[in-house]
Structure formats: C-alpha cells, structure tokens
Amino acid sequence: MLMSELQRKDIVSINDEIRLGKIVDIEVNKEGKILGLIIEPIKMMRRISIGSEVKITFEEIVTIGSDVILVDLKNSF
C-alpha cells in the first residue's frame, strides 16, 4: 500500500466512533519500521487541541480498511 493511499483514508476511533482526521505524515525509525501515523485532527479530542498534530502509534491501529483506518485510543490517555 502506498502512503498516498493511506492519506485518503479517514482515521476513526472505535471507542467513540469519532472521525479524528487525516494522515499528514508518518514516523519511521532508522531501520525503516513505521512507528506511527501523524494526523491532523478535525475535531477536538480529549488529549489534543484543534490545530495540533497527534501521533497514532502502530499498536493503536486496529485495522486498515478500504475507506477508513480504525484505531483504539482507550489506552492512550
């Protein structure tokens, strides 16, 4: 899957079914392993303010579907 394909998908929290935003960047380590997705949020969430970017770790990703990426943020707060 290409990064451009991931960027077209909505990020949705499975905990409260809120559309969180879109991917604007990815974080990779020196070995090339993806550590997380950087999203630009569209709604205010408990842990961020509007306009800031937030990192979704690889462990928080539940599934990558055809239109959405589902994430579980319940252990992130």
N, C-alpha and C. Protein backbone atom coordinates (compact mmCIF):
# COMPACT_ATOMS: atom_id res chain seq x y z
N MET A 1 0.85 -1.18 0.00
CA MET A 1 0.00 0.00 0.00
C MET A 1 0.89 1.23 0.00
N LEU A 2 0.52 2.21 -0.77
CA LEU A 2 1.27 3.45 -0.87
C LEU A 2 0.83 4.45 0.20
N MET A 3 1.74 5.34 0.57
CA MET A 3 1.42 6.40 1.54
C MET A 3 0.25 7.25 1.03
N SER A 4 0.23 7.52 -0.27
CA SER A 4 -0.86 8.33 -0.83
C SER A 4 -2.21 7.65 -0.66
N GLU A 5 -2.24 6.33 -0.67
CA GLU A 5 -3.49 5.59 -0.43
C GLU A 5 -3.92 5.72 1.03
N LEU A 6 -2.95 5.64 1.94
CA LEU A 6 -3.27 5.81 3.36
C LEU A 6 -3.79 7.21 3.65
N GLN A 7 -3.23 8.22 3.00
CA GLN A 7 -3.62 9.60 3.26
C GLN A 7 -5.07 9.88 2.85
N ARG A 8 -5.62 9.10 1.97
CA ARG A 8 -7.01 9.30 1.54
C ARG A 8 -8.02 8.70 2.52
N LYS A 9 -7.55 7.89 3.46
CA LYS A 9 -8.45 7.22 4.39
C LYS A 9 -8.72 8.09 5.63
N ASP A 10 -9.94 8.01 6.13
CA ASP A 10 -10.29 8.69 7.38
C ASP A 10 -9.78 7.85 8.54
N ILE A 11 -9.35 8.52 9.61
CA ILE A 11 -8.97 7.85 10.85
C ILE A 11 -10.17 7.93 11.78
N VAL A 12 -10.66 6.77 12.24
CA VAL A 12 -11.86 6.71 13.07
C VAL A 12 -11.56 5.94 14.36
N SER A 13 -11.95 6.53 15.50
CA SER A 13 -11.79 5.88 16.80
C SER A 13 -12.89 4.86 17.00
N ILE A 14 -12.51 3.63 17.37
CA ILE A 14 -13.53 2.61 17.65
C ILE A 14 -14.17 2.82 19.00
N ASN A 15 -13.55 3.63 19.87
CA ASN A 15 -14.06 3.85 21.22
C ASN A 15 -15.30 4.74 21.23
N ASP A 16 -15.28 5.81 20.44
CA ASP A 16 -16.42 6.72 20.44
C ASP A 16 -16.92 7.05 19.04
N GLU A 17 -16.42 6.30 18.05
CA GLU A 17 -16.85 6.42 16.66
C GLU A 17 -16.72 7.84 16.11
N ILE A 18 -15.67 8.53 16.53
CA ILE A 18 -15.42 9.89 16.06
C ILE A 18 -14.38 9.85 14.95
N ARG A 19 -14.65 10.58 13.89
CA ARG A 19 -13.68 10.75 12.81
C ARG A 19 -12.62 11.71 13.31
N LEU A 20 -11.39 11.24 13.40
CA LEU A 20 -10.33 12.01 14.04
C LEU A 20 -9.60 12.95 13.08
N GLY A 21 -9.41 12.54 11.86
CA GLY A 21 -8.69 13.38 10.92
C GLY A 21 -8.06 12.56 9.81
N LYS A 22 -7.07 13.16 9.16
CA LYS A 22 -6.37 12.53 8.04
C LYS A 22 -4.89 12.45 8.34
N ILE A 23 -4.23 11.50 7.71
CA ILE A 23 -2.78 11.33 7.87
C ILE A 23 -2.07 12.45 7.11
N VAL A 24 -1.13 13.10 7.80
CA VAL A 24 -0.32 14.12 7.16
C VAL A 24 1.15 13.70 7.06
N ASP A 25 1.55 12.69 7.85
CA ASP A 25 2.93 12.24 7.84
C ASP A 25 3.01 10.88 8.52
N ILE A 26 4.15 10.24 8.42
CA ILE A 26 4.40 9.00 9.16
C ILE A 26 5.73 9.15 9.90
N GLU A 27 5.86 8.41 10.99
CA GLU A 27 7.11 8.39 11.73
C GLU A 27 7.76 7.03 11.55
N VAL A 28 9.01 7.03 11.09
CA VAL A 28 9.75 5.80 10.89
C VAL A 28 11.07 5.87 11.65
N ASN A 29 11.55 4.70 12.09
CA ASN A 29 12.83 4.68 12.78
C ASN A 29 13.96 4.49 11.77
N LYS A 30 15.18 4.39 12.24
CA LYS A 30 16.35 4.28 11.36
C LYS A 30 16.33 3.02 10.50
N GLU A 31 15.67 1.99 11.00
CA GLU A 31 15.59 0.73 10.25
C GLU A 31 14.45 0.72 9.23
N GLY A 32 13.65 1.76 9.20
CA GLY A 32 12.55 1.85 8.26
C GLY A 32 11.23 1.31 8.78
N LYS A 33 11.18 0.95 10.06
CA LYS A 33 9.94 0.44 10.65
C LYS A 33 9.01 1.61 10.95
N ILE A 34 7.74 1.46 10.57
CA ILE A 34 6.76 2.50 10.85
C ILE A 34 6.42 2.49 12.33
N LEU A 35 6.63 3.62 13.00
CA LEU A 35 6.33 3.75 14.42
C LEU A 35 4.95 4.32 14.66
N GLY A 36 4.49 5.16 13.77
CA GLY A 36 3.17 5.76 13.96
C GLY A 36 2.76 6.64 12.80
N LEU A 37 1.50 7.02 12.83
CA LEU A 37 0.92 7.92 11.85
C LEU A 37 0.70 9.27 12.50
N ILE A 38 1.05 10.32 11.83
CA ILE A 38 0.81 11.66 12.32
C ILE A 38 -0.45 12.17 11.63
N ILE A 39 -1.46 12.53 12.44
CA ILE A 39 -2.71 13.01 11.85
C ILE A 39 -2.96 14.46 12.24
N GLU A 40 -3.65 15.12 11.35
CA GLU A 40 -4.11 16.47 11.64
C GLU A 40 -5.58 16.35 11.98
N PRO A 41 -5.94 16.59 13.23
CA PRO A 41 -7.31 16.35 13.68
C PRO A 41 -8.30 17.34 13.10
N ILE A 42 -9.54 16.86 12.97
CA ILE A 42 -10.62 17.73 12.51
C ILE A 42 -11.59 18.06 13.62
N LYS A 43 -11.53 17.31 14.72
CA LYS A 43 -12.42 17.55 15.86
C LYS A 43 -11.58 17.67 17.12
N MET A 44 -12.12 18.33 18.10
CA MET A 44 -11.41 18.41 19.36
C MET A 44 -11.53 17.07 20.08
N MET A 45 -10.39 16.56 20.53
CA MET A 45 -10.37 15.32 21.29
C MET A 45 -9.87 15.64 22.68
N ARG A 46 -10.02 14.70 23.58
CA ARG A 46 -9.62 14.92 24.97
C ARG A 46 -8.13 15.19 25.13
N ARG A 47 -7.31 14.60 24.29
CA ARG A 47 -5.87 14.72 24.51
C ARG A 47 -5.19 15.75 23.62
N ILE A 48 -5.93 16.40 22.74
CA ILE A 48 -5.31 17.39 21.86
C ILE A 48 -6.22 18.59 21.71
N SER A 49 -5.67 19.64 21.19
CA SER A 49 -6.49 20.80 20.88
C SER A 49 -6.59 20.94 19.37
N ILE A 50 -7.57 21.66 18.91
CA ILE A 50 -7.76 21.85 17.48
C ILE A 50 -6.53 22.53 16.90
N GLY A 51 -6.08 22.04 15.76
CA GLY A 51 -4.95 22.63 15.08
C GLY A 51 -3.62 21.95 15.36
N SER A 52 -3.53 21.12 16.38
CA SER A 52 -2.28 20.43 16.65
C SER A 52 -2.29 19.07 15.97
N GLU A 53 -1.09 18.55 15.75
CA GLU A 53 -0.98 17.21 15.18
C GLU A 53 -0.88 16.21 16.32
N VAL A 54 -1.28 14.99 16.05
CA VAL A 54 -1.21 13.95 17.06
C VAL A 54 -0.67 12.67 16.42
N LYS A 55 0.07 11.90 17.20
CA LYS A 55 0.63 10.65 16.71
C LYS A 55 -0.26 9.49 17.13
N ILE A 56 -0.58 8.66 16.16
CA ILE A 56 -1.29 7.41 16.40
C ILE A 56 -0.23 6.32 16.27
N THR A 57 0.05 5.61 17.36
CA THR A 57 1.09 4.59 17.30
C THR A 57 0.60 3.38 16.51
N PHE A 58 1.55 2.60 16.04
CA PHE A 58 1.22 1.40 15.28
C PHE A 58 0.37 0.44 16.10
N GLU A 59 0.63 0.40 17.41
CA GLU A 59 -0.11 -0.50 18.30
C GLU A 59 -1.57 -0.08 18.44
N GLU A 60 -1.89 1.18 18.21
CA GLU A 60 -3.26 1.67 18.34
C GLU A 60 -4.11 1.39 17.10
N ILE A 61 -3.49 1.01 16.00
CA ILE A 61 -4.22 0.71 14.77
C ILE A 61 -4.87 -0.66 14.91
N VAL A 62 -6.19 -0.70 14.74
CA VAL A 62 -6.94 -1.95 14.84
C VAL A 62 -6.99 -2.61 13.47
N THR A 63 -7.38 -1.86 12.46
CA THR A 63 -7.47 -2.39 11.10
C THR A 63 -7.38 -1.27 10.09
N ILE A 64 -6.92 -1.61 8.92
CA ILE A 64 -6.89 -0.68 7.81
C ILE A 64 -7.85 -1.21 6.76
N GLY A 65 -8.96 -0.50 6.60
CA GLY A 65 -9.99 -0.92 5.66
C GLY A 65 -9.85 -0.19 4.33
N SER A 66 -10.84 -0.40 3.47
CA SER A 66 -10.78 0.22 2.14
C SER A 66 -10.99 1.73 2.20
N ASP A 67 -11.75 2.22 3.18
CA ASP A 67 -12.03 3.66 3.28
C ASP A 67 -11.55 4.29 4.58
N VAL A 68 -11.36 3.48 5.62
CA VAL A 68 -11.01 4.02 6.94
C VAL A 68 -9.90 3.22 7.59
N ILE A 69 -9.25 3.87 8.54
CA ILE A 69 -8.31 3.21 9.43
C ILE A 69 -8.92 3.30 10.82
N LEU A 70 -9.21 2.16 11.43
CA LEU A 70 -9.81 2.13 12.75
C LEU A 70 -8.71 2.07 13.81
N VAL A 71 -8.85 2.94 14.82
CA VAL A 71 -7.85 2.99 15.89
C VAL A 71 -8.52 2.85 17.25
N ASP A 72 -7.78 2.28 18.19
CA ASP A 72 -8.25 2.11 19.56
C ASP A 72 -7.39 3.00 20.45
N LEU A 73 -7.96 4.10 20.93
CA LEU A 73 -7.23 5.07 21.72
C LEU A 73 -7.49 4.96 23.20
N LYS A 74 -8.23 3.96 23.65
CA LYS A 74 -8.62 3.89 25.07
C LYS A 74 -7.44 3.76 26.01
N ASN A 75 -6.34 3.19 25.57
CA ASN A 75 -5.17 3.04 26.45
C ASN A 75 -4.19 4.19 26.28
N SER A 76 -4.55 5.20 25.53
CA SER A 76 -3.63 6.29 25.24
C SER A 76 -3.74 7.46 26.17
N PHE A 77 -4.76 7.50 27.02
CA PHE A 77 -4.99 8.68 27.85
C PHE A 77 -4.40 8.49 29.21
